[in-house]
Protein backbone atom coordinates (compact mmCIF):
# COMPACT_ATOMS: atom_id res chain seq x y z
CA MET A 1 142.58 64.87 -266.30
CA LYS A 2 139.99 64.29 -263.59
CA LYS A 3 140.86 62.84 -260.24
CA SER A 4 138.98 62.66 -256.98
CA ASN A 5 139.85 65.21 -254.33
CA ASN A 6 141.68 62.69 -252.13
CA SER A 7 143.37 65.37 -250.03
CA LEU A 8 139.98 66.06 -248.39
CA ALA A 9 139.38 62.40 -247.60
CA GLY A 10 138.96 61.92 -243.89
CA LEU A 11 138.34 65.60 -243.23
CA ARG A 12 135.74 65.97 -240.51
CA PRO A 13 133.90 69.29 -240.75
CA SER A 14 132.27 71.24 -237.99
CA TYR A 15 130.97 74.50 -239.45
CA ILE A 16 129.28 72.85 -242.43
CA TYR A 17 126.97 70.96 -240.07
CA GLY A 18 125.55 74.33 -239.04
CA ALA A 19 124.32 75.13 -242.57
CA PHE A 20 120.53 74.71 -242.71
CA LEU A 21 119.38 76.94 -245.54
CA GLN A 22 119.95 74.21 -248.14
CA PHE A 23 117.14 72.11 -246.68
CA PRO A 24 113.72 72.41 -248.36
CA HIS A 25 111.27 74.59 -246.44
CA ILE A 26 114.02 75.89 -244.10
CA GLY A 27 114.57 79.63 -244.23
CA ARG A 28 116.14 82.01 -241.78
CA LYS A 29 113.12 82.13 -239.48
CA ARG A 30 112.81 78.36 -239.19
CA ARG A 31 116.55 78.06 -238.74
CA ALA A 32 116.30 80.48 -235.83
CA CYS A 33 113.53 78.30 -234.36
CA LEU A 34 115.81 75.25 -234.57
CA VAL A 35 118.66 77.08 -232.87
CA ASN A 36 116.34 78.35 -230.13
CA ALA A 37 115.26 74.76 -229.55
CA GLY A 38 118.90 73.73 -229.05
CA ILE A 39 119.42 72.24 -232.52
CA ASP A 40 122.26 74.19 -234.13
CA THR A 41 123.64 71.38 -236.33
CA TRP A 42 122.23 68.51 -238.37
CA GLN A 43 125.09 66.19 -237.45
CA GLU A 44 122.79 64.36 -235.06
CA LEU A 45 119.07 65.08 -235.26
CA PRO A 46 116.59 63.48 -232.84
CA GLU A 47 114.51 60.77 -234.45
CA CYS A 48 111.27 62.40 -233.34
CA CYS A 49 110.39 66.05 -233.73
CA PRO A 50 110.92 67.90 -230.41
CA ALA A 51 107.79 69.19 -228.72
CA ALA A 52 109.12 72.75 -228.89
CA LEU A 53 109.11 72.48 -232.70
CA CYS A 54 105.50 71.52 -233.29
CA GLY A 55 105.49 73.53 -236.51
CA PHE A 56 108.14 71.15 -237.92
CA ARG A 57 106.20 67.90 -237.46
CA GLY A 58 105.17 67.68 -241.07
CA LEU A 59 108.75 68.39 -242.21
CA TRP A 60 110.75 66.40 -239.68
CA ASN A 61 111.01 63.08 -241.53
CA GLU A 62 112.13 64.83 -244.71
CA LEU A 63 114.64 66.92 -242.77
CA CYS A 64 116.14 63.82 -241.11
CA HIS A 65 116.29 61.97 -244.43
CA ASP A 66 118.09 64.82 -246.21
CA ALA A 67 120.50 65.27 -243.30
CA ALA A 68 121.38 61.56 -243.45
CA CYS A 69 122.11 61.90 -247.19
CA TYR A 70 124.40 64.87 -246.57
CA ARG A 71 126.21 63.01 -243.79
CA ARG A 72 126.80 60.06 -246.14
CA GLN A 73 128.32 62.38 -248.72
CA ILE A 74 130.73 63.71 -246.10
CA GLU A 75 131.61 60.21 -244.89
CA ASP A 76 132.21 59.10 -248.50
CA GLY A 77 134.46 62.11 -249.15
CA ASP A 78 132.12 63.47 -251.83
CA TRP A 79 133.01 67.04 -251.05
CA ALA A 80 131.95 68.36 -254.45
CA SER A 81 128.36 67.34 -253.69
CA VAL A 82 128.66 68.69 -250.16
CA ALA A 83 129.83 72.06 -251.47
CA ALA A 84 127.16 72.18 -254.15
CA MET A 85 124.36 71.88 -251.62
CA ILE A 86 125.49 74.84 -249.50
CA CYS A 87 123.87 78.14 -250.48
CA SER A 88 126.02 81.16 -251.25
CA SER A 89 125.29 82.99 -247.99
CA GLU A 90 126.74 80.06 -246.01
CA ARG A 91 129.68 79.08 -248.18
CA TRP A 92 132.00 80.76 -245.69
CA ARG A 93 131.62 77.49 -243.77
CA LEU A 94 133.67 75.77 -246.48
CA LEU A 95 136.48 78.26 -245.85
CA ALA A 96 136.42 77.52 -242.14
CA ASP A 97 136.35 73.73 -242.48
CA CYS A 98 138.77 73.43 -245.41
CA TRP A 99 141.13 76.33 -244.67
CA GLU A 100 144.38 74.37 -244.96
CA ASN A 101 143.33 72.83 -248.30
CA ILE A 102 142.28 75.97 -250.18
CA VAL A 103 144.24 77.34 -253.15
CA TYR A 104 143.48 80.92 -254.16
CA LEU A 105 143.46 81.44 -257.92
CA ASP A 106 143.55 84.44 -260.24
CA ILE A 107 144.20 84.90 -263.95
CA GLU A 108 145.22 87.72 -266.27
CA THR A 109 144.21 87.95 -269.91
CA SER A 110 145.44 89.63 -273.09
CA GLY A 111 142.46 92.01 -273.28
CA VAL A 112 138.99 92.86 -272.01
CA ASP A 113 136.99 91.27 -274.83
CA ALA A 114 135.46 87.80 -274.86
CA ASN A 115 138.12 86.43 -277.21
CA SER A 116 141.08 87.50 -275.08
CA GLU A 117 143.61 84.84 -274.17
CA VAL A 118 144.72 83.66 -270.74
CA THR A 119 148.24 84.98 -270.18
CA THR A 120 148.95 84.37 -266.49
CA ILE A 121 147.64 82.12 -263.70
CA SER A 122 148.53 82.54 -260.04
CA CYS A 123 147.87 79.94 -257.33
CA TRP A 124 148.57 80.61 -253.64
CA ASP A 125 147.83 78.31 -250.71
CA GLY A 126 149.38 80.46 -247.99
CA LYS A 127 152.67 78.57 -248.08
CA SER A 128 153.72 78.14 -251.70
CA LEU A 129 153.18 80.26 -254.79
CA ARG A 130 152.72 78.75 -258.25
CA LEU A 131 152.69 80.95 -261.34
CA PHE A 132 151.97 79.89 -264.92
CA LEU A 133 152.80 82.13 -267.90
CA ARG A 134 151.66 81.84 -271.50
CA GLY A 135 154.46 80.67 -273.78
CA GLU A 136 156.39 79.15 -270.87
CA ASN A 137 154.50 76.80 -268.56
CA LEU A 138 150.81 77.69 -268.87
CA GLU A 139 149.86 74.17 -270.00
CA ASP A 140 151.34 72.74 -266.80
CA PHE A 141 148.40 74.21 -264.91
CA LEU A 142 146.16 71.27 -265.83
CA ASP A 143 148.40 68.79 -264.01
CA TYR A 144 148.59 71.11 -261.03
CA ALA A 145 144.79 71.56 -260.94
CA GLU A 146 144.37 67.79 -260.56
CA THR A 147 146.04 68.02 -257.15
CA VAL A 148 143.89 70.88 -255.81
CA PRO A 149 140.83 69.94 -253.74
CA ILE A 150 139.33 73.43 -253.49
CA PHE A 151 139.92 76.63 -255.46
CA ALA A 152 138.84 80.05 -254.20
CA THR A 153 138.52 83.02 -256.56
CA PHE A 154 137.05 86.50 -256.69
CA ASN A 155 134.34 86.57 -259.39
CA GLY A 156 135.80 83.33 -260.72
CA ALA A 157 132.41 81.75 -261.44
CA SER A 158 131.78 84.44 -264.06
CA PHE A 159 135.32 85.05 -265.33
CA ASP A 160 138.31 82.94 -264.29
CA MET A 161 136.80 79.45 -264.45
CA PRO A 162 134.91 79.91 -267.77
CA LYS A 163 138.04 81.46 -269.31
CA LEU A 164 140.20 78.54 -268.18
CA CYS A 165 137.69 75.97 -269.42
CA ARG A 166 137.63 77.61 -272.85
CA HIS A 167 141.41 77.89 -272.96
CA PHE A 168 142.00 74.24 -272.09
CA HIS A 169 138.97 73.01 -274.08
CA VAL A 170 137.39 71.16 -271.16
CA PRO A 171 133.77 71.27 -269.95
CA GLU A 172 134.91 71.71 -266.35
CA LEU A 173 138.31 72.38 -264.91
CA PHE A 174 138.46 69.84 -262.13
CA ARG A 175 136.30 67.71 -259.84
CA GLY A 176 137.09 69.61 -256.71
CA ILE A 177 135.30 72.53 -255.10
CA HIS A 178 135.17 76.11 -256.29
CA VAL A 179 134.20 78.94 -253.93
CA ASP A 180 133.61 82.35 -255.49
CA LEU A 181 134.49 84.71 -252.66
CA ARG A 182 132.89 87.68 -254.37
CA TRP A 183 129.51 86.43 -253.21
CA VAL A 184 130.74 85.20 -249.85
CA PHE A 185 132.02 88.72 -249.18
CA TYR A 186 128.80 90.21 -250.55
CA HIS A 187 126.67 88.32 -248.04
CA ALA A 188 129.03 89.52 -245.29
CA GLY A 189 128.38 93.13 -246.33
CA TRP A 190 131.64 93.59 -248.23
CA THR A 191 130.71 94.90 -251.67
CA GLY A 192 132.70 96.22 -254.61
CA GLY A 193 135.79 94.90 -256.36
CA LEU A 194 138.66 93.16 -254.63
CA LYS A 195 140.76 96.32 -254.38
CA THR A 196 137.83 98.20 -252.85
CA ILE A 197 137.45 95.48 -250.23
CA GLU A 198 141.20 95.52 -249.58
CA LYS A 199 141.07 99.23 -248.78
CA LYS A 200 138.11 98.75 -246.45
CA LEU A 201 140.02 96.04 -244.59
CA GLY A 202 143.32 97.92 -244.47
CA ILE A 203 145.14 95.38 -246.67
CA GLN A 204 148.15 96.95 -248.40
CA ARG A 205 150.02 95.67 -251.43
CA PRO A 206 153.74 96.24 -252.00
CA GLU A 207 154.53 99.78 -253.08
CA ASP A 208 155.32 98.82 -256.69
CA LEU A 209 151.87 97.23 -257.10
CA GLN A 210 149.60 99.70 -255.33
CA GLU A 211 148.64 101.59 -258.50
CA THR A 212 148.70 98.62 -260.88
CA ASP A 213 145.39 97.39 -262.28
CA GLY A 214 144.07 94.92 -264.83
CA LEU A 215 144.46 97.28 -267.77
CA GLU A 216 148.12 97.83 -266.96
CA ALA A 217 148.50 94.05 -266.71
CA ILE A 218 147.35 93.86 -270.34
CA GLU A 219 150.01 96.37 -271.33
CA LEU A 220 152.64 94.48 -269.34
CA TRP A 221 151.78 91.31 -271.24
CA ASP A 222 151.95 93.13 -274.58
CA GLU A 223 155.34 94.55 -273.65
CA TRP A 224 156.70 91.18 -272.57
CA ARG A 225 155.34 89.43 -275.66
CA ASP A 226 156.66 92.06 -278.07
CA THR A 227 159.99 93.07 -276.51
CA LYS A 228 160.80 90.33 -273.97
CA ASN A 229 161.49 93.03 -271.42
CA PRO A 230 162.13 91.05 -268.20
CA SER A 231 160.89 93.89 -265.98
CA ALA A 232 157.47 93.73 -267.67
CA ARG A 233 157.32 89.96 -267.14
CA GLN A 234 158.31 90.31 -263.49
CA LYS A 235 155.72 92.96 -262.70
CA LEU A 236 152.96 91.04 -264.50
CA LEU A 237 153.70 87.94 -262.41
CA ARG A 238 153.91 89.98 -259.21
CA TYR A 239 150.57 91.67 -259.93
CA CYS A 240 148.74 88.42 -260.65
CA ALA A 241 150.22 86.82 -257.53
CA ALA A 242 149.23 89.82 -255.40
CA ASP A 243 145.57 89.26 -256.23
CA THR A 244 145.70 85.76 -254.76
CA ILE A 245 147.68 86.84 -251.70
CA THR A 246 145.26 89.64 -250.81
CA LEU A 247 142.28 87.38 -251.50
CA ARG A 248 143.50 84.95 -248.86
CA GLN A 249 144.10 87.84 -246.46
CA ALA A 250 140.52 89.05 -246.97
CA ALA A 251 139.16 85.53 -246.45
CA ALA A 252 141.12 85.26 -243.20
CA GLN A 253 139.68 88.55 -242.00
CA LEU A 254 136.18 87.34 -242.83
CA LEU A 255 136.61 84.20 -240.73
CA LYS A 256 138.04 86.29 -237.92
CA LYS A 257 135.00 88.57 -238.13
CA LEU A 258 132.69 85.54 -237.92
CA GLY A 259 134.55 84.24 -234.87
CA CYS A 260 135.77 81.08 -236.59
CA SER A 261 138.58 79.02 -235.17
CA THR A 262 140.09 76.83 -237.88
CA LYS A 263 142.48 73.90 -238.01
CA GLY A 264 144.77 76.06 -240.14
CA ASP A 265 146.79 79.05 -239.09
CA ILE A 266 145.14 82.42 -239.65
CA ASP A 267 147.97 84.64 -238.45
CA LEU A 268 147.23 88.05 -239.88
CA SER A 269 150.29 89.60 -238.23
CA GLU A 270 152.77 87.71 -240.41
CA SER A 271 153.65 89.38 -243.70
CA PRO A 272 152.19 87.41 -246.63
CA TRP A 273 154.59 88.97 -249.12
CA GLU A 274 157.78 87.18 -248.11
CA CYS A 275 157.23 84.28 -250.50
CA LEU A 276 156.40 86.62 -253.39
CA ASN A 277 159.46 88.80 -252.81
CA ARG A 278 161.70 85.75 -252.54
CA GLN A 279 160.48 84.15 -255.78
CA TYR A 280 159.67 87.29 -257.76
CA PRO A 281 161.42 90.29 -256.20
CA SER A 282 160.47 93.78 -257.25
CA ILE A 283 162.78 95.13 -259.93
CA LYS A 284 163.02 98.62 -261.37
CA ARG A 285 161.12 99.06 -264.61
CA SER A 286 163.59 99.49 -267.44
CA LYS A 287 161.34 101.74 -269.52
CA ASN A 288 158.62 104.32 -268.95
CA LYS A 289 155.26 102.72 -268.34
CA LYS A 290 152.75 103.36 -271.07
CA ILE A 291 149.57 103.00 -269.11
CA LEU A 292 146.33 104.87 -268.69
CA LYS A 293 147.92 107.62 -266.62
CA ALA A 294 149.79 108.71 -269.74
CA ILE A 295 146.43 109.71 -271.28
CA PRO A 296 145.09 112.91 -269.68
CA ASP A 297 141.99 113.26 -271.89
CA MET A 298 139.55 110.36 -271.75
CA ASN A 299 137.49 111.78 -274.62
CA ILE A 300 140.27 111.69 -277.19
CA ASP A 301 139.65 110.57 -280.71
CA PRO A 302 142.29 107.92 -281.58
CA LYS A 303 142.26 108.94 -285.25
CA GLU A 304 143.00 112.56 -284.34
CA GLU A 305 145.70 111.48 -281.91
CA LEU A 306 147.31 109.48 -284.68
CA LYS A 307 148.10 112.78 -286.38
CA LYS A 308 149.73 114.12 -283.19
CA SER A 309 151.79 111.13 -282.14
CA THR A 310 154.13 108.81 -283.98
CA ASP A 311 154.31 106.24 -281.15
CA PRO A 312 152.25 103.20 -282.29
CA ASP A 313 152.11 101.76 -278.77
CA ILE A 314 150.44 104.89 -277.41
CA ILE A 315 147.92 104.96 -280.26
CA ARG A 316 147.09 101.27 -279.84
CA MET A 317 146.57 101.77 -276.12
CA GLN A 318 144.32 104.79 -276.69
CA MET A 319 142.16 102.89 -279.12
CA ARG A 320 141.87 99.95 -276.70
CA LEU A 321 140.90 102.29 -273.87
CA LYS A 322 138.24 104.05 -275.93
CA ASN A 323 136.71 100.73 -276.98
CA PHE A 324 136.75 99.58 -273.34
CA LEU A 325 135.02 102.74 -272.11
CA ASN A 326 132.41 102.44 -274.86
CA ARG A 327 131.61 98.90 -273.68
CA LEU A 328 131.06 100.18 -270.14
CA LYS A 329 128.44 102.61 -271.41
CA LEU A 330 126.38 99.81 -273.05
């Protein structure tokens, strides 16, 4: 399954050379000293320690040695090692240098518990959209992942990637690079979930997806699995795809905020939804949605509600919600 990330071969970075915090004994204060002395990259370091950096004399040989090792990794195309050495607060540099090669990934699952199954995978590179659905083409994702040099996710290090590894029974998904944008955004001062960040940045989803969330995605999967309602399938795919589209939009806004000029096109004025609407157009739901909004009382007892309602779907959803809310209180 594993292949080298050949699509990054020959890529010559610029922003990555400005990352210094991965070097031993180099923190923000010493990095500022280097910049003030006219050394803002480690692409070419002087052989001898500059006189203005007398406090670095005992570190200079080690700094030059480590920089040479990093440069060799870049020249050899070992981008996985290059990415691994960059600390989380500077991983935005990978976005800037590899913008055209990044695929944004998101998954949906059958529930909120640890044993839930992967139901949907969305991959978006800014030009083409790939969707994988359980029971149809989910297993094709492995072949696709072999071709991807760098995946970007939101909270993927804790959720998406471990889930995919367990689903496909592999110790690691691929040999390329993974950037978890949750922490990149965090270091830029953008906190909260993806939808919270979207609102802060003024990113808007299509009207039919603005109120959809992960819990409704679970219900959409259940409906598609149980009834084969095509409108449930369509909305599930659209929702999963929207997460990857807005993630790329947020990443573009971050680079714009940092003043980055990239080799790729970061045109925020062009609508990113044209590809989604062409492949998976919005269609009217053919039945009433049974989602959380149908439950006015969050403190309901599912056993008592069973006496009031004869709809098994509603009861099952209420019980799932109560269990979910109980987990949040732990």
